[in-house]
C-alpha atoms as a PDB file:
ATOM      1  CA  MET A   1     164.673 210.831 128.692  1.00  0.00           C
ATOM      2  CA  VAL A   2     164.900 208.647 131.744  1.00  0.00           C
ATOM      3  CA  ILE A   3     163.792 205.057 132.138  1.00  0.00           C
ATOM      4  CA  GLU A   4     162.127 204.493 135.501  1.00  0.00           C
ATOM      5  CA  LEU A   5     163.187 201.194 137.059  1.00  0.00           C
ATOM      6  CA  LEU A   6     160.174 199.667 138.845  1.00  0.00           C
ATOM      7  CA  THR A   7     161.571 196.243 139.792  1.00  0.00           C
ATOM      8  CA  ASP A   8     164.858 194.475 139.165  1.00  0.00           C
ATOM      9  CA  ARG A   9     165.805 190.867 139.883  1.00  0.00           C
ATOM     10  CA  THR A  10     169.370 189.956 138.962  1.00  0.00           C
ATOM     11  CA  GLY A  11     169.890 186.752 137.001  1.00  0.00           C
ATOM     12  CA  ASP A  12     172.773 184.370 137.545  1.00  0.00           C
ATOM     13  CA  GLY A  13     173.645 183.845 133.885  1.00  0.00           C
ATOM     14  CA  PRO A  14     175.893 185.776 131.521  1.00  0.00           C
ATOM     15  CA  MET A  15     175.304 189.465 130.883  1.00  0.00           C
ATOM     16  CA  ALA A  16     173.748 190.433 127.561  1.00  0.00           C
ATOM     17  CA  LEU A  17     176.194 192.446 125.463  1.00  0.00           C
ATOM     18  CA  PRO A  18     175.608 194.675 122.433  1.00  0.00           C
ATOM     19  CA  GLY A  19     175.876 192.619 119.256  1.00  0.00           C
ATOM     20  CA  GLN A  20     174.642 189.413 120.869  1.00  0.00           C
ATOM     21  CA  THR A  21     171.401 187.793 119.817  1.00  0.00           C
ATOM     22  CA  VAL A  22     169.130 187.910 122.859  1.00  0.00           C
ATOM     23  CA  THR A  23     165.857 186.193 123.631  1.00  0.00           C
ATOM     24  CA  VAL A  24     163.552 188.192 125.892  1.00  0.00           C
ATOM     25  CA  SER A  25     160.070 187.592 127.269  1.00  0.00           C
ATOM     26  CA  VAL A  26     158.164 190.883 127.012  1.00  0.00           C
ATOM     27  CA  LYS A  27     154.823 192.107 128.354  1.00  0.00           C
ATOM     28  CA  ALA A  28     153.884 195.691 127.516  1.00  0.00           C
ATOM     29  CA  ASP A  29     151.145 197.921 128.877  1.00  0.00           C
ATOM     30  CA  LEU A  30     150.359 201.571 128.498  1.00  0.00           C
ATOM     31  CA  ALA A  31     151.485 203.473 131.591  1.00  0.00           C
ATOM     32  CA  ASP A  32     147.820 203.796 132.620  1.00  0.00           C
ATOM     33  CA  GLY A  33     147.564 199.989 132.842  1.00  0.00           C
ATOM     34  CA  ARG A  34     145.814 199.188 129.544  1.00  0.00           C
ATOM     35  CA  GLU A  35     147.374 196.102 127.948  1.00  0.00           C
ATOM     36  CA  LEU A  36     149.005 196.503 124.543  1.00  0.00           C
ATOM     37  CA  ASP A  37     148.370 194.069 121.733  1.00  0.00           C
ATOM     38  CA  LEU A  38     151.513 194.534 119.661  1.00  0.00           C
ATOM     39  CA  PRO A  39     153.327 191.452 118.313  1.00  0.00           C
ATOM     40  CA  SER A  40     156.660 193.296 118.608  1.00  0.00           C
ATOM     41  CA  LEU A  41     156.122 193.849 122.345  1.00  0.00           C
ATOM     42  CA  SER A  42     154.503 190.660 123.542  1.00  0.00           C
ATOM     43  CA  GLY A  43     155.698 187.154 124.200  1.00  0.00           C
ATOM     44  CA  GLU A  44     159.136 185.912 123.324  1.00  0.00           C
ATOM     45  CA  GLN A  45     161.265 188.232 121.177  1.00  0.00           C
ATOM     46  CA  ARG A  46     164.645 187.453 119.600  1.00  0.00           C
ATOM     47  CA  PHE A  47     166.866 190.216 118.211  1.00  0.00           C
ATOM     48  CA  ILE A  48     170.429 191.533 118.049  1.00  0.00           C
ATOM     49  CA  LEU A  49     170.969 193.836 121.018  1.00  0.00           C
ATOM     50  CA  GLY A  50     172.026 197.293 119.843  1.00  0.00           C
ATOM     51  CA  ALA A  51     171.049 196.826 116.200  1.00  0.00           C
ATOM     52  CA  GLY A  52     168.048 199.154 116.425  1.00  0.00           C
ATOM     53  CA  SER A  53     165.465 196.562 115.382  1.00  0.00           C
ATOM     54  CA  VAL A  54     163.268 197.221 118.469  1.00  0.00           C
ATOM     55  CA  ILE A  55     162.204 200.399 120.253  1.00  0.00           C
ATOM     56  CA  ARG A  56     165.095 202.220 121.915  1.00  0.00           C
ATOM     57  CA  GLY A  57     163.608 201.896 125.392  1.00  0.00           C
ATOM     58  CA  LEU A  58     163.608 198.101 125.177  1.00  0.00           C
ATOM     59  CA  GLU A  59     167.293 198.051 124.270  1.00  0.00           C
ATOM     60  CA  HIS A  60     168.127 200.558 127.023  1.00  0.00           C
ATOM     61  CA  ALA A  61     166.131 198.562 129.584  1.00  0.00           C
ATOM     62  CA  LEU A  62     168.175 195.431 128.851  1.00  0.00           C
ATOM     63  CA  ARG A  63     171.501 197.124 129.620  1.00  0.00           C
ATOM     64  CA  GLY A  64     173.266 195.359 132.458  1.00  0.00           C
ATOM     65  CA  MET A  65     170.794 192.473 132.605  1.00  0.00           C
ATOM     66  CA  ARG A  66     171.976 188.920 133.144  1.00  0.00           C
ATOM     67  CA  CYS A  67     170.257 185.828 131.778  1.00  0.00           C
ATOM     68  CA  GLY A  68     167.588 184.621 134.161  1.00  0.00           C
ATOM     69  CA  GLY A  69     166.966 188.158 135.409  1.00  0.00           C
ATOM     70  CA  SER A  70     163.768 190.149 135.199  1.00  0.00           C
ATOM     71  CA  ARG A  71     162.993 193.820 135.234  1.00  0.00           C
ATOM     72  CA  ALA A  72     159.963 196.107 135.031  1.00  0.00           C
ATOM     73  CA  VAL A  73     160.459 199.610 133.653  1.00  0.00           C
ATOM     74  CA  ARG A  74     158.438 202.643 132.656  1.00  0.00           C
ATOM     75  CA  LEU A  75     159.520 204.187 129.349  1.00  0.00           C
ATOM     76  CA  PRO A  76     158.886 207.783 128.354  1.00  0.00           C
ATOM     77  CA  ALA A  77     157.231 208.238 124.975  1.00  0.00           C
ATOM     78  CA  ALA A  78     160.525 209.383 123.431  1.00  0.00           C
ATOM     79  CA  LEU A  79     162.004 205.905 124.055  1.00  0.00           C
ATOM     80  CA  ALA A  80     158.825 204.112 122.978  1.00  0.00           C
ATOM     81  CA  PHE A  81     156.698 205.196 120.007  1.00  0.00           C
ATOM     82  CA  GLY A  82     157.175 208.957 120.338  1.00  0.00           C
ATOM     83  CA  ALA A  83     154.788 211.748 119.514  1.00  0.00           C
ATOM     84  CA  HIS A  84     153.047 209.736 116.777  1.00  0.00           C
ATOM     85  CA  GLY A  85     152.249 206.519 118.656  1.00  0.00           C
ATOM     86  CA  VAL A  86     150.883 203.546 116.722  1.00  0.00           C
ATOM     87  CA  ALA A  87     147.535 204.144 115.041  1.00  0.00           C
ATOM     88  CA  GLY A  88     144.693 202.505 116.953  1.00  0.00           C
ATOM     89  CA  VAL A  89     147.027 200.872 119.501  1.00  0.00           C
ATOM     90  CA  VAL A  90     149.405 203.333 121.194  1.00  0.00           C
ATOM     91  CA  PRO A  91     148.188 206.910 121.651  1.00  0.00           C
ATOM     92  CA  PRO A  92     150.518 209.741 120.627  1.00  0.00           C
ATOM     93  CA  GLY A  93     152.966 210.624 123.391  1.00  0.00           C
ATOM     94  CA  ALA A  94     152.170 207.519 125.465  1.00  0.00           C
ATOM     95  CA  SER A  95     154.530 206.138 128.090  1.00  0.00           C
ATOM     96  CA  LEU A  96     154.842 202.358 128.352  1.00  0.00           C
ATOM     97  CA  LYS A  97     155.424 199.870 131.134  1.00  0.00           C
ATOM     98  CA  LEU A  98     157.496 196.835 130.124  1.00  0.00           C
ATOM     99  CA  GLU A  99     157.957 193.625 132.083  1.00  0.00           C
ATOM    100  CA  LEU A 100     161.073 191.839 130.818  1.00  0.00           C
ATOM    101  CA  ARG A 101     162.749 188.520 131.458  1.00  0.00           C
ATOM    102  CA  LEU A 102     166.091 187.836 129.772  1.00  0.00           C
ATOM    103  CA  LEU A 103     165.916 184.224 128.642  1.00  0.00           C
ATOM    104  CA  ALA A 104     169.127 183.878 126.624  1.00  0.00           C
ATOM    105  CA  ALA A 105     172.108 185.737 125.195  1.00  0.00           C
ATOM    106  CA  ASP A 106     173.848 183.881 122.376  1.00  0.00           C
ATOM    107  CA  PRO A 107     177.417 183.242 123.561  1.00  0.00           C
ATOM    108  CA  THR A 108     178.888 183.306 120.053  1.00  0.00           C
ATOM    109  CA  PRO A 109     181.006 186.348 119.203  1.00  0.00           C
ATOM    110  CA  PRO A 110     178.834 189.484 119.039  1.00  0.00           C
ATOM    111  CA  HIS A 111     177.767 190.990 115.727  1.00  0.00           C
ATOM    112  CA  PRO A 112     179.245 194.441 115.138  1.00  0.00           C
ATOM    113  CA  VAL A 113     176.668 197.138 115.877  1.00  0.00           C
ATOM    114  CA  GLY A 114     177.041 200.825 115.212  1.00  0.00           C
END
């Protein structure tokens, strides 16, 4: 399971660390270019990095990112929605392309994540 890095622009802010609350701008498409209409993968998302509240590929793609940075990645199905997909939206076994921009990483002490 490898994430393919398509583009990477390093930000000049602090690095996002597991346990921090991050705010990320997300645009998701199927790997064939069709746009996805999933609230969990569009627009501004806020979550605790490493807590497992988003797809694994999104968390993996944010590793090493600094605030202000952007990245485009292609996720294999195993790091997206797997063999089952999302009924009527993501076909079974579909790869995704994500365009990410790390907007903020809460500087307060990280939450413990397992």
